[in-house]
PDB file of N, CA and C in Angstrom:
ATOM      1  N   MET A   1     -36.296 -57.287  -6.794  1.00  0.00           N
ATOM      2  CA  MET A   1     -36.477 -57.859  -5.880  1.00  0.00           C
ATOM      3  C   MET A   1     -36.497 -57.621  -4.028  1.00  0.00           C
ATOM      4  N   GLU A   2     -36.944 -58.097  -3.434  1.00  0.00           N
ATOM      5  CA  GLU A   2     -36.859 -57.702  -1.860  1.00  0.00           C
ATOM      6  C   GLU A   2     -36.897 -58.809  -1.184  1.00  0.00           C
ATOM      7  N   TYR A   3     -35.927 -58.283   0.001  1.00  0.00           N
ATOM      8  CA  TYR A   3     -35.854 -59.552   1.115  1.00  0.00           C
ATOM      9  C   TYR A   3     -35.624 -59.132   2.521  1.00  0.00           C
ATOM     10  N   HIS A   4     -35.867 -59.586   3.495  1.00  0.00           N
ATOM     11  CA  HIS A   4     -35.836 -59.160   4.629  1.00  0.00           C
ATOM     12  C   HIS A   4     -34.637 -59.382   5.307  1.00  0.00           C
ATOM     13  N   ILE A   5     -33.942 -58.357   5.744  1.00  0.00           N
ATOM     14  CA  ILE A   5     -32.580 -58.157   6.281  1.00  0.00           C
ATOM     15  C   ILE A   5     -32.674 -58.259   7.277  1.00  0.00           C
ATOM     16  N   GLU A   6     -32.948 -57.215   8.370  1.00  0.00           N
ATOM     17  CA  GLU A   6     -33.340 -57.178   9.632  1.00  0.00           C
ATOM     18  C   GLU A   6     -34.347 -55.672  10.221  1.00  0.00           C
ATOM     19  N   ASN A   7     -34.548 -56.159  11.271  1.00  0.00           N
ATOM     20  CA  ASN A   7     -35.790 -54.991  11.855  1.00  0.00           C
ATOM     21  C   ASN A   7     -35.316 -53.765  11.941  1.00  0.00           C
ATOM     22  N   ALA A   8     -35.716 -52.885  11.708  1.00  0.00           N
ATOM     23  CA  ALA A   8     -35.869 -51.561  12.244  1.00  0.00           C
ATOM     24  C   ALA A   8     -36.633 -51.328  13.599  1.00  0.00           C
ATOM     25  N   THR A   9     -36.117 -50.194  14.235  1.00  0.00           N
ATOM     26  CA  THR A   9     -36.904 -49.434  15.533  1.00  0.00           C
ATOM     27  C   THR A   9     -37.028 -48.021  15.293  1.00  0.00           C
ATOM     28  N   ALA A  10     -38.767 -47.692  16.124  1.00  0.00           N
ATOM     29  CA  ALA A  10     -38.674 -46.358  15.738  1.00  0.00           C
ATOM     30  C   ALA A  10     -38.801 -45.836  16.923  1.00  0.00           C
ATOM     31  N   TYR A  11     -37.909 -44.786  17.523  1.00  0.00           N
ATOM     32  CA  TYR A  11     -37.796 -44.105  19.070  1.00  0.00           C
ATOM     33  C   TYR A  11     -38.477 -42.641  18.824  1.00  0.00           C
ATOM     34  N   GLU A  12     -39.182 -42.493  19.857  1.00  0.00           N
ATOM     35  CA  GLU A  12     -39.348 -41.035  20.080  1.00  0.00           C
ATOM     36  C   GLU A  12     -38.451 -40.049  20.384  1.00  0.00           C
ATOM     37  N   THR A  13     -38.459 -39.172  19.625  1.00  0.00           N
ATOM     38  CA  THR A  13     -37.444 -37.980  20.157  1.00  0.00           C
ATOM     39  C   THR A  13     -37.888 -36.606  20.921  1.00  0.00           C
ATOM     40  N   GLY A  14     -37.009 -35.803  21.621  1.00  0.00           N
ATOM     41  CA  GLY A  14     -37.563 -34.492  22.263  1.00  0.00           C
ATOM     42  C   GLY A  14     -38.690 -33.795  21.408  1.00  0.00           C
ATOM     43  N   LYS A  15     -38.659 -34.019  20.064  1.00  0.00           N
ATOM     44  CA  LYS A  15     -39.694 -32.900  19.246  1.00  0.00           C
ATOM     45  C   LYS A  15     -41.455 -33.748  19.718  1.00  0.00           C
ATOM     46  N   PRO A  16     -42.212 -32.798  19.790  1.00  0.00           N
ATOM     47  CA  PRO A  16     -43.574 -33.721  19.743  1.00  0.00           C
ATOM     48  C   PRO A  16     -43.686 -34.083  18.698  1.00  0.00           C
ATOM     49  N   ASP A  17     -44.546 -35.190  18.622  1.00  0.00           N
ATOM     50  CA  ASP A  17     -44.930 -36.065  17.462  1.00  0.00           C
ATOM     51  C   ASP A  17     -44.255 -36.298  16.273  1.00  0.00           C
ATOM     52  N   SER A  18     -42.694 -36.654  16.785  1.00  0.00           N
ATOM     53  CA  SER A  18     -41.513 -37.109  15.988  1.00  0.00           C
ATOM     54  C   SER A  18     -41.060 -38.348  16.198  1.00  0.00           C
ATOM     55  N   LEU A  19     -40.557 -39.065  15.330  1.00  0.00           N
ATOM     56  CA  LEU A  19     -40.095 -40.296  15.713  1.00  0.00           C
ATOM     57  C   LEU A  19     -38.697 -40.571  14.751  1.00  0.00           C
ATOM     58  N   VAL A  20     -37.752 -41.209  15.589  1.00  0.00           N
ATOM     59  CA  VAL A  20     -36.569 -41.792  14.415  1.00  0.00           C
ATOM     60  C   VAL A  20     -36.889 -42.781  14.394  1.00  0.00           C
ATOM     61  N   VAL A  21     -35.922 -43.040  12.907  1.00  0.00           N
ATOM     62  CA  VAL A  21     -36.361 -44.536  12.870  1.00  0.00           C
ATOM     63  C   VAL A  21     -34.736 -45.067  12.361  1.00  0.00           C
ATOM     64  N   VAL A  22     -34.289 -45.929  13.456  1.00  0.00           N
ATOM     65  CA  VAL A  22     -32.453 -46.383  13.260  1.00  0.00           C
ATOM     66  C   VAL A  22     -32.566 -47.008  11.799  1.00  0.00           C
ATOM     67  N   ILE A  23     -31.774 -46.935  10.702  1.00  0.00           N
ATOM     68  CA  ILE A  23     -31.919 -48.250  10.047  1.00  0.00           C
ATOM     69  C   ILE A  23     -30.420 -49.014  10.176  1.00  0.00           C
ATOM     70  N   PRO A  24     -30.636 -50.249  10.239  1.00  0.00           N
ATOM     71  CA  PRO A  24     -29.506 -51.272  10.597  1.00  0.00           C
ATOM     72  C   PRO A  24     -28.529 -50.966  10.023  1.00  0.00           C
ATOM     73  N   LYS A  25     -27.123 -51.092  10.513  1.00  0.00           N
ATOM     74  CA  LYS A  25     -25.932 -51.166  10.338  1.00  0.00           C
ATOM     75  C   LYS A  25     -25.463 -52.288   8.703  1.00  0.00           C
ATOM     76  N   THR A  26     -25.996 -53.176   8.960  1.00  0.00           N
ATOM     77  CA  THR A  26     -26.454 -53.964   7.701  1.00  0.00           C
ATOM     78  C   THR A  26     -26.557 -53.473   6.541  1.00  0.00           C
ATOM     79  N   VAL A  27     -27.296 -52.757   6.651  1.00  0.00           N
ATOM     80  CA  VAL A  27     -28.477 -52.039   5.633  1.00  0.00           C
ATOM     81  C   VAL A  27     -27.500 -50.406   5.167  1.00  0.00           C
ATOM     82  N   ARG A  28     -26.793 -50.255   6.149  1.00  0.00           N
ATOM     83  CA  ARG A  28     -26.252 -48.938   5.902  1.00  0.00           C
ATOM     84  C   ARG A  28     -24.709 -49.400   5.275  1.00  0.00           C
ATOM     85  N   ARG A  29     -24.274 -50.275   5.847  1.00  0.00           N
ATOM     86  CA  ARG A  29     -22.931 -50.640   4.787  1.00  0.00           C
ATOM     87  C   ARG A  29     -23.669 -51.036   3.607  1.00  0.00           C
ATOM     88  N   MET A  30     -24.614 -51.689   3.307  1.00  0.00           N
ATOM     89  CA  MET A  30     -24.986 -52.102   1.940  1.00  0.00           C
ATOM     90  C   MET A  30     -25.161 -50.852   1.083  1.00  0.00           C
ATOM     91  N   LEU A  31     -25.650 -50.028   1.358  1.00  0.00           N
ATOM     92  CA  LEU A  31     -26.059 -48.746   0.825  1.00  0.00           C
ATOM     93  C   LEU A  31     -25.118 -47.981   0.675  1.00  0.00           C
ATOM     94  N   LYS A  32     -24.376 -47.661   1.096  1.00  0.00           N
ATOM     95  CA  LYS A  32     -22.754 -47.028   1.749  1.00  0.00           C
ATOM     96  C   LYS A  32     -23.516 -45.597   1.896  1.00  0.00           C
ATOM     97  N   LEU A  33     -24.983 -45.449   3.460  1.00  0.00           N
ATOM     98  CA  LEU A  33     -25.609 -44.318   3.669  1.00  0.00           C
ATOM     99  C   LEU A  33     -24.513 -44.257   4.773  1.00  0.00           C
ATOM    100  N   GLN A  34     -24.278 -42.539   5.235  1.00  0.00           N
ATOM    101  CA  GLN A  34     -23.445 -41.766   5.335  1.00  0.00           C
ATOM    102  C   GLN A  34     -24.447 -41.122   6.840  1.00  0.00           C
ATOM    103  N   LYS A  35     -23.805 -40.673   7.312  1.00  0.00           N
ATOM    104  CA  LYS A  35     -24.302 -39.396   8.693  1.00  0.00           C
ATOM    105  C   LYS A  35     -25.007 -38.363   7.643  1.00  0.00           C
ATOM    106  N   GLY A  36     -26.525 -38.289   8.123  1.00  0.00           N
ATOM    107  CA  GLY A  36     -26.573 -36.846   7.332  1.00  0.00           C
ATOM    108  C   GLY A  36     -27.569 -36.959   5.805  1.00  0.00           C
ATOM    109  N   ALA A  37     -27.525 -38.410   5.423  1.00  0.00           N
ATOM    110  CA  ALA A  37     -28.122 -39.147   4.073  1.00  0.00           C
ATOM    111  C   ALA A  37     -29.676 -38.576   3.914  1.00  0.00           C
ATOM    112  N   LYS A  38     -29.960 -37.787   3.122  1.00  0.00           N
ATOM    113  CA  LYS A  38     -31.759 -37.831   2.835  1.00  0.00           C
ATOM    114  C   LYS A  38     -32.395 -38.630   1.751  1.00  0.00           C
ATOM    115  N   PHE A  39     -33.568 -39.107   2.353  1.00  0.00           N
ATOM    116  CA  PHE A  39     -34.525 -40.373   1.866  1.00  0.00           C
ATOM    117  C   PHE A  39     -35.642 -39.558   1.127  1.00  0.00           C
ATOM    118  N   ARG A  40     -35.943 -39.981   0.139  1.00  0.00           N
ATOM    119  CA  ARG A  40     -37.705 -39.738  -0.648  1.00  0.00           C
ATOM    120  C   ARG A  40     -38.481 -40.770   0.394  1.00  0.00           C
ATOM    121  N   VAL A  41     -39.210 -40.171   1.504  1.00  0.00           N
ATOM    122  CA  VAL A  41     -40.227 -41.311   1.652  1.00  0.00           C
ATOM    123  C   VAL A  41     -41.734 -41.539   0.803  1.00  0.00           C
ATOM    124  N   LYS A  42     -42.203 -42.866   1.007  1.00  0.00           N
ATOM    125  CA  LYS A  42     -43.246 -43.258   0.281  1.00  0.00           C
ATOM    126  C   LYS A  42     -43.694 -44.223   0.809  1.00  0.00           C
ATOM    127  N   VAL A  43     -45.294 -44.140   0.527  1.00  0.00           N
ATOM    128  CA  VAL A  43     -46.338 -45.082   1.425  1.00  0.00           C
ATOM    129  C   VAL A  43     -47.043 -46.204   0.084  1.00  0.00           C
ATOM    130  N   ASP A  44     -46.643 -47.448   0.268  1.00  0.00           N
ATOM    131  CA  ASP A  44     -47.383 -47.981  -0.989  1.00  0.00           C
ATOM    132  C   ASP A  44     -48.813 -48.374  -0.681  1.00  0.00           C
ATOM    133  N   HIS A  45     -49.257 -49.034  -1.274  1.00  0.00           N
ATOM    134  CA  HIS A  45     -51.001 -49.431  -1.374  1.00  0.00           C
ATOM    135  C   HIS A  45     -51.157 -50.682  -0.034  1.00  0.00           C
ATOM    136  N   GLN A  46     -50.085 -50.910  -0.186  1.00  0.00           N
ATOM    137  CA  GLN A  46     -50.046 -52.278   0.770  1.00  0.00           C
ATOM    138  C   GLN A  46     -49.718 -51.708   2.581  1.00  0.00           C
ATOM    139  N   GLY A  47     -49.450 -50.219   2.309  1.00  0.00           N
ATOM    140  CA  GLY A  47     -49.116 -49.472   4.001  1.00  0.00           C
ATOM    141  C   GLY A  47     -47.666 -49.591   4.260  1.00  0.00           C
ATOM    142  N   ARG A  48     -46.757 -50.280   3.090  1.00  0.00           N
ATOM    143  CA  ARG A  48     -45.365 -50.259   3.762  1.00  0.00           C
ATOM    144  C   ARG A  48     -44.692 -48.862   3.462  1.00  0.00           C
ATOM    145  N   ILE A  49     -43.621 -48.862   4.439  1.00  0.00           N
ATOM    146  CA  ILE A  49     -43.336 -47.410   3.956  1.00  0.00           C
ATOM    147  C   ILE A  49     -41.908 -47.564   3.530  1.00  0.00           C
ATOM    148  N   ILE A  50     -41.524 -46.569   2.345  1.00  0.00           N
ATOM    149  CA  ILE A  50     -40.456 -46.883   1.480  1.00  0.00           C
ATOM    150  C   ILE A  50     -39.784 -45.689   1.708  1.00  0.00           C
ATOM    151  N   TYR A  51     -38.318 -46.158   1.731  1.00  0.00           N
ATOM    152  CA  TYR A  51     -37.735 -45.198   2.182  1.00  0.00           C
ATOM    153  C   TYR A  51     -36.546 -44.962   0.987  1.00  0.00           C
ATOM    154  N   GLU A  52     -36.370 -44.145  -0.194  1.00  0.00           N
ATOM    155  CA  GLU A  52     -35.336 -43.983  -1.306  1.00  0.00           C
ATOM    156  C   GLU A  52     -34.477 -42.971  -0.693  1.00  0.00           C
ATOM    157  N   PRO A  53     -33.263 -43.405  -0.991  1.00  0.00           N
ATOM    158  CA  PRO A  53     -32.065 -42.497  -0.417  1.00  0.00           C
ATOM    159  C   PRO A  53     -32.134 -41.479  -1.685  1.00  0.00           C
ATOM    160  N   ILE A  54     -31.742 -40.374  -1.441  1.00  0.00           N
ATOM    161  CA  ILE A  54     -31.551 -39.005  -2.862  1.00  0.00           C
ATOM    162  C   ILE A  54     -30.272 -39.170  -2.677  1.00  0.00           C
ATOM    163  N   LYS A  55     -29.811 -39.163  -4.196  1.00  0.00           N
ATOM    164  CA  LYS A  55     -28.463 -39.502  -4.390  1.00  0.00           C
ATOM    165  C   LYS A  55     -28.297 -37.749  -4.481  1.00  0.00           C
ATOM    166  N   GLU A  56     -26.667 -37.088  -4.049  1.00  0.00           N
ATOM    167  CA  GLU A  56     -26.422 -35.871  -3.812  1.00  0.00           C
ATOM    168  C   GLU A  56     -26.050 -35.526  -5.661  1.00  0.00           C
ATOM    169  N   GLU A  57     -26.707 -34.368  -5.687  1.00  0.00           N
ATOM    170  CA  GLU A  57     -27.124 -33.802  -7.139  1.00  0.00           C
ATOM    171  C   GLU A  57     -25.479 -33.730  -7.553  1.00  0.00           C
ATOM    172  N   GLN A  58     -24.516 -34.150  -8.622  1.00  0.00           N
ATOM    173  CA  GLN A  58     -23.156 -33.725  -8.786  1.00  0.00           C
ATOM    174  C   GLN A  58     -22.795 -32.499  -9.786  1.00  0.00           C
ATOM    175  N   PRO A  59     -22.409 -31.636  -9.514  1.00  0.00           N
ATOM    176  CA  PRO A  59     -22.253 -30.430 -10.621  1.00  0.00           C
ATOM    177  C   PRO A  59     -22.471 -31.084 -12.303  1.00  0.00           C
ATOM    178  N   GLY A  60     -23.435 -30.092 -13.200  1.00  0.00           N
ATOM    179  CA  GLY A  60     -23.767 -30.834 -14.436  1.00  0.00           C
ATOM    180  C   GLY A  60     -24.785 -31.778 -14.317  1.00  0.00           C
ATOM    181  N   GLU A  61     -25.390 -32.104 -13.162  1.00  0.00           N
ATOM    182  CA  GLU A  61     -26.076 -33.703 -13.235  1.00  0.00           C
ATOM    183  C   GLU A  61     -28.117 -32.560 -13.141  1.00  0.00           C
ATOM    184  N   ALA A  62     -28.248 -33.218 -13.828  1.00  0.00           N
ATOM    185  CA  ALA A  62     -29.828 -32.597 -14.038  1.00  0.00           C
ATOM    186  C   ALA A  62     -30.354 -33.346 -13.079  1.00  0.00           C
ATOM    187  N   SER A  63     -31.484 -32.251 -12.649  1.00  0.00           N
ATOM    188  CA  SER A  63     -32.241 -32.996 -11.387  1.00  0.00           C
ATOM    189  C   SER A  63     -33.503 -33.609 -11.725  1.00  0.00           C
ATOM    190  N   GLU A  64     -34.261 -34.011 -10.710  1.00  0.00           N
ATOM    191  CA  GLU A  64     -35.395 -35.088 -11.485  1.00  0.00           C
ATOM    192  C   GLU A  64     -36.415 -34.275 -11.368  1.00  0.00           C
TER     193      GLU A  64
END
């Protein structure tokens, strides 16, 4: 299930052709995201951007 929480904003950075998307604090808290978190980025057939947090691999865990 999906639901709208807040809008995110994309900002230009100093790098050419780069944008930074700010994840709202509400979402960061819900997902317990920390600075430096990594994401898998997908685009679905409706043109939606999907960011999936990549869990840090713990010692002994198999990678995907």
